[in-house]
Amino acid sequence: MSNQVNHVVSSRLLIVTDAWRPQINGVVRTLESVGQALTSMGHQVHYLTPERFWTVPVPSYPEVRISLASPGAVSRQIQMVNPDHIHIATEGPLGLLARQYCIDRRLCFTTSFHTRFPEYVAMRVPVPTEWGYSYMRWFHAAAARTLVPTPSLRDDLTARGFERLGLWSRGVDGVRFRPGAKTMFNDLAGPHLLYVGRVAAEKNVEAFLDLEVPGSKIVVGDGPDCARLMREHPEAVFMGYRHGEELGAIYRSADVLVFPSRTDTFGNVITEALASGTPVAALPVTGPLDVLSDPRAGALHEDLNVAVTRALRLSRTDARQHGELFTWAASARQLANALEPLHRRLDAVG
């Protein structure tokens, strides 16, 4: 990828997001990592997040909180930054208020599609997914460009009526997540099968825990389904959230990362595992289909038992080599090139 950045040299970017610390998920990790990479390139990156406002927990999902912000408060925060570009990363309350701020002032902005919320909501509330996609189409239709992480998601959203879609891939910290000695799980029967992520219905964690492959199942993460799954699967090891070097050691010590989700749009944990030299087993759906484009790095199959069995035969060297294709610097350049100046007319956007 070229090192050139089109019209955003030394720009001031405001990223608006409803997903932020202390949440632990791919959206937060992506926005933080890309912001750091953009800053190292000379850009000024600011965030408008729930940290600045009162919040309330989402029913049945207390680790996710939504902001109670007023239009005036959001306007003041935006004006204090005086950005050259506004990127709205989420479709929640802050995203809605920032969107309206831009529309009222006829400002150009970009958005990104990180999460299949229509499917997530339908798993908890008996409403058709198309209702959710109607809202998402409406939300993103006002943007100059909506960025998605993979070609297959772009194709899916195009078929659903979304317009002006662009690609914005993800990266991985190849220093923290690197190959090395197997230092953990030596007291557990092998092979060591790993799941990393939220323990929630939309992640399909039960498909991982129901695997019939011999070995030990290790869950790193937490969420609303964790207590129930711990009771139902006492044979599995639940470690809660892990971070930093310890998380890197966990990836290095696993024989396979199992990614059972059908609804993720990318899967940052896939690239973290690959960078650690750990092959991946996943379903052949959006996200894994794009990331695991080299069959030497991961195995895809509708039967996760088959995918895991095949992944156990793969080379850790090949997995690492494929993981090196994903860098945060490349991801940051991709985002920078997709941004639009605030005062550019929407009808001039290609």
Protein backbone atom coordinates (compact mmCIF):
# COMPACT_ATOMS: atom_id res chain seq x y z
CA MET A 1 0.00 0.00 0.00
CA SER A 2 1.24 3.49 -0.82
CA ASN A 3 2.61 5.67 1.96
CA GLN A 4 0.98 8.71 0.37
CA VAL A 5 -2.05 10.29 2.07
CA ASN A 6 -4.28 12.25 -0.28
CA HIS A 7 -5.88 15.30 1.30
CA VAL A 8 -5.38 14.73 5.02
CA VAL A 9 -1.75 15.64 5.65
CA SER A 10 -1.37 16.99 9.21
CA SER A 11 -5.15 17.12 9.60
CA ARG A 12 -7.28 17.38 12.74
CA LEU A 13 -9.65 14.41 12.94
CA LEU A 14 -12.54 13.93 15.35
CA ILE A 15 -13.70 10.33 15.82
CA VAL A 16 -17.17 10.00 17.36
CA THR A 17 -17.89 6.69 19.06
CA ASP A 18 -20.43 5.27 21.50
CA ALA A 19 -18.12 2.30 22.09
CA TRP A 20 -15.25 3.18 24.41
CA ARG A 21 -13.36 2.13 27.50
CA PRO A 22 -13.97 0.31 29.77
CA GLN A 23 -15.62 -1.81 27.05
CA ILE A 24 -13.28 -4.43 25.64
CA ASN A 25 -14.11 -5.18 22.03
CA GLY A 26 -12.83 -4.92 18.49
CA VAL A 27 -14.35 -1.49 17.86
CA VAL A 28 -12.57 0.12 20.80
CA ARG A 29 -9.32 -1.65 19.99
CA THR A 30 -9.54 -0.55 16.36
CA LEU A 31 -10.26 3.11 17.11
CA GLU A 32 -7.48 3.35 19.69
CA SER A 33 -4.89 1.58 17.55
CA VAL A 34 -5.69 3.54 14.39
CA GLY A 35 -5.62 6.78 16.37
CA GLN A 36 -2.15 5.97 17.65
CA ALA A 37 -0.96 5.15 14.14
CA LEU A 38 -2.43 8.36 12.70
CA THR A 39 -0.84 10.41 15.49
CA SER A 40 2.55 8.90 14.68
CA MET A 41 2.00 10.04 11.08
CA GLY A 42 1.52 13.65 12.20
CA HIS A 43 -2.28 13.88 12.43
CA GLN A 44 -4.14 15.26 15.43
CA VAL A 45 -6.72 12.73 16.56
CA HIS A 46 -9.49 13.61 19.00
CA TYR A 47 -12.30 11.42 20.31
CA LEU A 48 -15.85 12.23 21.30
CA THR A 49 -16.82 9.35 23.60
CA PRO A 50 -19.21 8.51 26.47
CA GLU A 51 -16.45 9.46 28.94
CA ARG A 52 -17.65 13.07 28.75
CA PHE A 53 -21.31 12.39 29.61
CA TRP A 54 -23.62 10.61 32.01
CA THR A 55 -24.28 7.05 30.90
CA VAL A 56 -26.74 4.25 31.67
CA PRO A 57 -26.21 0.50 31.16
CA VAL A 58 -27.91 -1.33 28.31
CA PRO A 59 -30.57 -3.70 29.73
CA SER A 60 -29.23 -7.29 29.90
CA TYR A 61 -25.79 -6.05 28.81
CA PRO A 62 -24.48 -3.89 31.71
CA GLU A 63 -20.89 -3.68 30.46
CA VAL A 64 -22.19 -1.59 27.53
CA ARG A 65 -23.35 1.88 28.51
CA ILE A 66 -25.10 4.50 26.39
CA SER A 67 -24.62 8.23 26.69
CA LEU A 68 -27.18 10.71 27.98
CA ALA A 69 -25.88 13.67 26.00
CA SER A 70 -27.73 16.74 24.78
CA PRO A 71 -27.37 18.22 21.28
CA GLY A 72 -25.88 21.36 22.80
CA ALA A 73 -23.24 19.46 24.74
CA VAL A 74 -22.18 17.48 21.67
CA SER A 75 -22.09 20.66 19.57
CA ARG A 76 -19.82 22.36 22.09
CA GLN A 77 -17.44 19.41 22.15
CA ILE A 78 -17.21 19.38 18.35
CA GLN A 79 -16.64 23.12 18.16
CA MET A 80 -13.89 22.93 20.79
CA VAL A 81 -11.98 20.49 18.60
CA ASN A 82 -12.65 22.49 15.40
CA PRO A 83 -11.89 19.43 13.26
CA ASP A 84 -10.97 19.23 9.59
CA HIS A 85 -12.70 15.83 9.35
CA ILE A 86 -15.39 14.05 11.34
CA HIS A 87 -15.67 10.29 11.33
CA ILE A 88 -18.70 8.77 13.07
CA ALA A 89 -17.83 5.22 14.07
CA THR A 90 -21.06 4.06 15.74
CA GLU A 91 -24.81 4.44 15.27
CA GLY A 92 -25.69 5.08 18.94
CA PRO A 93 -26.73 8.28 20.75
CA LEU A 94 -23.44 10.14 20.23
CA GLY A 95 -23.29 9.05 16.61
CA LEU A 96 -26.85 10.29 16.06
CA LEU A 97 -26.14 13.69 17.64
CA ALA A 98 -22.90 14.17 15.70
CA ARG A 99 -24.68 13.12 12.51
CA GLN A 100 -27.40 15.72 13.11
CA TYR A 101 -24.79 18.38 13.90
CA CYS A 102 -23.18 17.80 10.51
CA ILE A 103 -26.46 17.66 8.60
CA ASP A 104 -27.73 20.90 10.18
CA ARG A 105 -24.54 22.68 9.08
CA ARG A 106 -24.26 20.92 5.72
CA LEU A 107 -20.91 19.41 6.72
CA CYS A 108 -19.41 16.39 5.02
CA PHE A 109 -18.61 13.40 7.26
CA THR A 110 -17.77 9.71 7.01
CA THR A 111 -19.09 6.73 8.95
CA SER A 112 -18.07 3.13 9.48
CA PHE A 113 -20.04 -0.11 9.83
CA HIS A 114 -18.44 -2.15 12.61
CA THR A 115 -21.22 -4.28 14.05
CA ARG A 116 -24.24 -6.19 12.79
CA PHE A 117 -26.59 -4.66 15.34
CA PRO A 118 -29.75 -5.84 13.54
CA GLU A 119 -28.77 -9.47 14.17
CA TYR A 120 -27.65 -8.70 17.73
CA VAL A 121 -30.95 -7.01 18.58
CA ALA A 122 -33.00 -9.80 16.97
CA MET A 123 -31.30 -12.32 19.27
CA ARG A 124 -32.64 -10.44 22.31
CA VAL A 125 -35.87 -8.85 21.10
CA PRO A 126 -38.37 -10.52 18.73
CA VAL A 127 -38.12 -7.99 15.89
CA PRO A 128 -37.25 -8.60 12.22
CA THR A 129 -33.62 -7.91 11.31
CA GLU A 130 -34.83 -5.80 8.38
CA TRP A 131 -36.14 -3.21 10.84
CA GLY A 132 -32.62 -2.82 12.14
CA TYR A 133 -31.17 -2.62 8.64
CA SER A 134 -33.71 0.07 7.73
CA TYR A 135 -32.36 2.18 10.58
CA MET A 136 -28.76 1.47 9.61
CA ARG A 137 -29.41 2.39 5.95
CA TRP A 138 -31.03 5.65 7.07
CA PHE A 139 -28.15 6.45 9.42
CA HIS A 140 -25.36 5.86 6.92
CA ALA A 141 -27.15 7.33 3.89
CA ALA A 142 -26.24 10.86 5.05
CA ALA A 143 -22.50 10.10 5.06
CA ALA A 144 -20.12 10.94 2.24
CA ARG A 145 -18.72 7.43 2.57
CA THR A 146 -19.37 4.43 4.82
CA LEU A 147 -16.33 2.28 5.54
CA VAL A 148 -16.55 -1.48 6.01
CA PRO A 149 -13.76 -3.89 6.97
CA THR A 150 -14.10 -6.57 4.27
CA PRO A 151 -15.16 -7.02 0.65
CA SER A 152 -17.76 -9.65 1.56
CA LEU A 153 -19.45 -7.27 4.02
CA ARG A 154 -19.38 -4.55 1.36
CA ASP A 155 -21.12 -6.91 -1.07
CA ASP A 156 -23.70 -7.90 1.53
CA LEU A 157 -24.53 -4.30 2.46
CA THR A 158 -24.68 -3.28 -1.20
CA ALA A 159 -27.29 -5.99 -1.74
CA ARG A 160 -29.21 -4.53 1.22
CA GLY A 161 -29.33 -1.08 -0.38
CA PHE A 162 -26.36 0.68 1.26
CA GLU A 163 -24.49 3.18 -0.92
CA ARG A 164 -21.06 4.84 -1.15
CA LEU A 165 -19.24 2.00 0.60
CA GLY A 166 -15.46 1.96 0.99
CA LEU A 167 -12.98 -0.49 2.51
CA TRP A 168 -11.16 0.05 5.79
CA SER A 169 -9.32 -3.07 6.93
CA ARG A 170 -7.90 -3.77 10.39
CA GLY A 171 -4.43 -4.30 11.78
CA VAL A 172 -2.64 -6.09 14.58
CA ASP A 173 0.18 -5.31 16.99
CA GLY A 174 2.84 -7.65 15.64
CA VAL A 175 5.15 -6.96 18.60
CA ARG A 176 2.73 -7.83 21.39
CA PHE A 177 1.24 -10.69 19.39
CA ARG A 178 4.24 -12.68 18.19
CA PRO A 179 5.38 -16.30 18.00
CA GLY A 180 7.24 -17.78 20.93
CA ALA A 181 7.45 -20.55 23.48
CA LYS A 182 4.34 -22.27 24.81
CA THR A 183 4.39 -21.09 28.42
CA MET A 184 0.80 -21.71 29.57
CA PHE A 185 -1.74 -24.54 29.84
CA ASN A 186 0.93 -27.20 30.37
CA ASP A 187 -1.22 -28.67 33.15
CA LEU A 188 -4.17 -29.08 30.78
CA ALA A 189 -4.74 -31.92 28.33
CA GLY A 190 -3.92 -30.99 24.76
CA PRO A 191 -4.60 -29.85 22.20
CA HIS A 192 -5.43 -26.45 23.67
CA LEU A 193 -8.42 -24.86 21.93
CA LEU A 194 -8.89 -21.15 22.58
CA TYR A 195 -11.81 -18.74 22.34
CA VAL A 196 -11.18 -14.99 22.87
CA GLY A 197 -13.99 -12.45 22.93
CA ARG A 198 -17.25 -11.46 24.56
CA VAL A 199 -19.24 -14.29 26.07
CA ALA A 200 -22.59 -13.35 24.59
CA ALA A 201 -25.30 -14.92 22.44
CA GLU A 202 -24.22 -13.18 19.24
CA LYS A 203 -20.73 -14.70 19.52
CA ASN A 204 -22.01 -18.31 19.29
CA VAL A 205 -19.68 -19.39 22.11
CA GLU A 206 -21.77 -22.49 22.77
CA ALA A 207 -20.70 -23.87 19.40
CA PHE A 208 -17.12 -23.70 20.67
CA LEU A 209 -17.97 -25.30 24.00
CA ASP A 210 -19.94 -28.08 22.28
CA LEU A 211 -16.97 -29.16 20.13
CA GLU A 212 -16.30 -32.89 20.17
CA VAL A 213 -12.58 -32.54 19.43
CA PRO A 214 -10.37 -34.00 22.20
CA GLY A 215 -8.40 -31.54 24.31
CA SER A 216 -9.05 -28.56 26.56
CA LYS A 217 -11.33 -25.62 25.84
CA ILE A 218 -10.15 -22.24 27.16
CA VAL A 219 -12.38 -19.14 27.19
CA VAL A 220 -10.80 -15.69 27.52
CA GLY A 221 -13.41 -12.97 27.94
CA ASP A 222 -16.60 -12.18 29.83
CA GLY A 223 -20.15 -11.17 29.13
CA PRO A 224 -23.82 -11.72 29.92
CA ASP A 225 -23.77 -15.47 29.12
CA CYS A 226 -20.62 -16.26 31.08
CA ALA A 227 -22.17 -17.42 34.37
CA ARG A 228 -24.63 -19.75 32.63
CA LEU A 229 -22.01 -21.27 30.36
CA MET A 230 -19.64 -21.83 33.28
CA ARG A 231 -22.36 -23.84 35.02
CA GLU A 232 -23.23 -25.83 31.89
CA HIS A 233 -19.61 -26.51 30.87
CA PRO A 234 -17.56 -27.18 34.01
CA GLU A 235 -14.96 -28.97 31.89
CA ALA A 236 -13.95 -25.70 30.18
CA VAL A 237 -11.50 -23.17 31.62
CA PHE A 238 -12.94 -19.65 31.92
CA MET A 239 -10.19 -17.06 32.44
CA GLY A 240 -12.12 -13.79 32.20
CA TYR A 241 -10.56 -10.87 30.37
CA ARG A 242 -6.79 -10.85 29.88
CA HIS A 243 -4.65 -8.07 28.44
CA GLY A 244 -1.22 -7.08 27.21
CA GLU A 245 1.65 -9.53 27.42
CA GLU A 246 -0.46 -12.10 29.24
CA LEU A 247 -2.93 -12.18 26.36
CA GLY A 248 -0.04 -12.54 23.94
CA ALA A 249 1.27 -15.51 25.93
CA ILE A 250 -2.21 -17.10 25.86
CA TYR A 251 -2.36 -16.89 22.06
CA ARG A 252 1.17 -18.34 21.76
CA SER A 253 0.28 -21.20 24.07
CA ALA A 254 -2.90 -22.20 22.21
CA ASP A 255 -2.85 -24.78 19.44
CA VAL A 256 -5.85 -23.30 17.61
CA LEU A 257 -8.02 -20.21 17.98
CA VAL A 258 -11.65 -21.16 17.41
CA PHE A 259 -13.81 -18.33 16.04
CA PRO A 260 -17.44 -19.52 16.14
CA SER A 261 -19.20 -16.21 15.44
CA ARG A 262 -21.55 -15.84 12.46
CA THR A 263 -22.16 -12.12 12.95
CA ASP A 264 -18.76 -10.42 13.34
CA THR A 265 -17.78 -8.06 10.54
CA PHE A 266 -14.04 -8.75 10.80
CA GLY A 267 -12.72 -10.50 13.90
CA ASN A 268 -9.69 -8.71 15.37
CA VAL A 269 -8.89 -11.76 17.48
CA ILE A 270 -8.25 -13.71 14.26
CA THR A 271 -5.38 -11.42 13.27
CA GLU A 272 -4.05 -11.43 16.85
CA ALA A 273 -3.91 -15.22 16.80
CA LEU A 274 -2.28 -15.33 13.36
CA ALA A 275 0.35 -12.79 14.42
CA SER A 276 1.09 -15.09 17.37
CA GLY A 277 1.58 -18.02 15.01
CA THR A 278 -1.67 -19.71 16.04
CA PRO A 279 -3.83 -21.16 13.23
CA VAL A 280 -7.55 -20.36 13.25
CA ALA A 281 -10.67 -22.49 12.84
CA ALA A 282 -13.83 -20.66 11.85
CA LEU A 283 -17.12 -20.83 10.00
CA PRO A 284 -17.10 -19.74 6.33
CA VAL A 285 -18.88 -16.42 6.92
CA THR A 286 -18.17 -12.70 6.52
CA GLY A 287 -14.99 -11.82 8.40
CA PRO A 288 -13.20 -15.19 8.46
CA LEU A 289 -13.79 -15.63 4.72
CA ASP A 290 -11.89 -12.41 4.06
CA VAL A 291 -9.20 -12.58 6.75
CA LEU A 292 -8.37 -16.27 6.27
CA SER A 293 -7.78 -15.92 2.55
CA ASP A 294 -4.74 -18.24 2.76
CA PRO A 295 -5.80 -21.83 3.60
CA ARG A 296 -2.38 -22.40 5.16
CA ALA A 297 -3.28 -19.95 7.96
CA GLY A 298 -6.72 -21.20 8.92
CA ALA A 299 -9.47 -23.70 8.21
CA LEU A 300 -13.05 -22.84 7.31
CA HIS A 301 -15.93 -25.31 7.50
CA GLU A 302 -19.61 -25.29 8.45
CA ASP A 303 -18.79 -28.07 10.91
CA LEU A 304 -16.47 -26.48 13.47
CA ASN A 305 -15.22 -29.93 14.47
CA VAL A 306 -13.89 -30.38 10.93
CA ALA A 307 -12.42 -26.87 10.89
CA VAL A 308 -10.58 -27.45 14.19
CA THR A 309 -9.25 -30.84 13.11
CA ARG A 310 -7.87 -29.31 9.92
CA ALA A 311 -6.45 -26.24 11.69
CA LEU A 312 -4.51 -28.46 14.10
CA ARG A 313 -2.49 -29.72 11.13
CA LEU A 314 -1.48 -26.24 9.92
CA SER A 315 1.93 -24.63 10.29
CA ARG A 316 2.43 -21.92 12.91
CA THR A 317 5.03 -20.33 10.61
CA ASP A 318 2.45 -20.00 7.83
CA ALA A 319 -0.08 -18.51 10.25
CA ARG A 320 2.40 -15.85 11.37
CA GLN A 321 3.37 -15.05 7.79
CA HIS A 322 -0.27 -14.40 6.88
CA GLY A 323 -0.78 -12.36 10.05
CA GLU A 324 2.02 -10.01 9.03
CA LEU A 325 -0.16 -8.73 6.19
CA PHE A 326 -2.31 -6.83 8.70
CA THR A 327 -0.74 -3.70 10.20
CA TRP A 328 -2.26 -0.73 11.99
CA ALA A 329 -0.16 1.63 9.87
CA ALA A 330 -1.78 0.31 6.70
CA SER A 331 -5.21 0.48 8.33
CA ALA A 332 -4.59 4.09 9.40
CA ARG A 333 -3.51 5.12 5.90
CA GLN A 334 -6.65 3.51 4.49
CA LEU A 335 -8.84 5.50 6.87
CA ALA A 336 -6.95 8.73 6.20
CA ASN A 337 -7.41 8.38 2.46
CA ALA A 338 -11.15 7.81 2.90
CA LEU A 339 -11.85 10.93 4.98
CA GLU A 340 -13.62 13.92 3.46
CA PRO A 341 -13.09 17.62 4.31
CA LEU A 342 -16.01 18.98 6.34
CA HIS A 343 -16.90 21.67 3.82
CA ARG A 344 -16.80 19.52 0.70
CA ARG A 345 -20.19 19.24 -1.03
CA LEU A 346 -21.69 15.78 -0.78
CA ASP A 347 -22.60 15.80 -4.48
CA ALA A 348 -18.88 16.23 -5.24
CA VAL A 349 -17.93 13.07 -3.40
CA GLY A 350 -17.02 10.19 -5.71
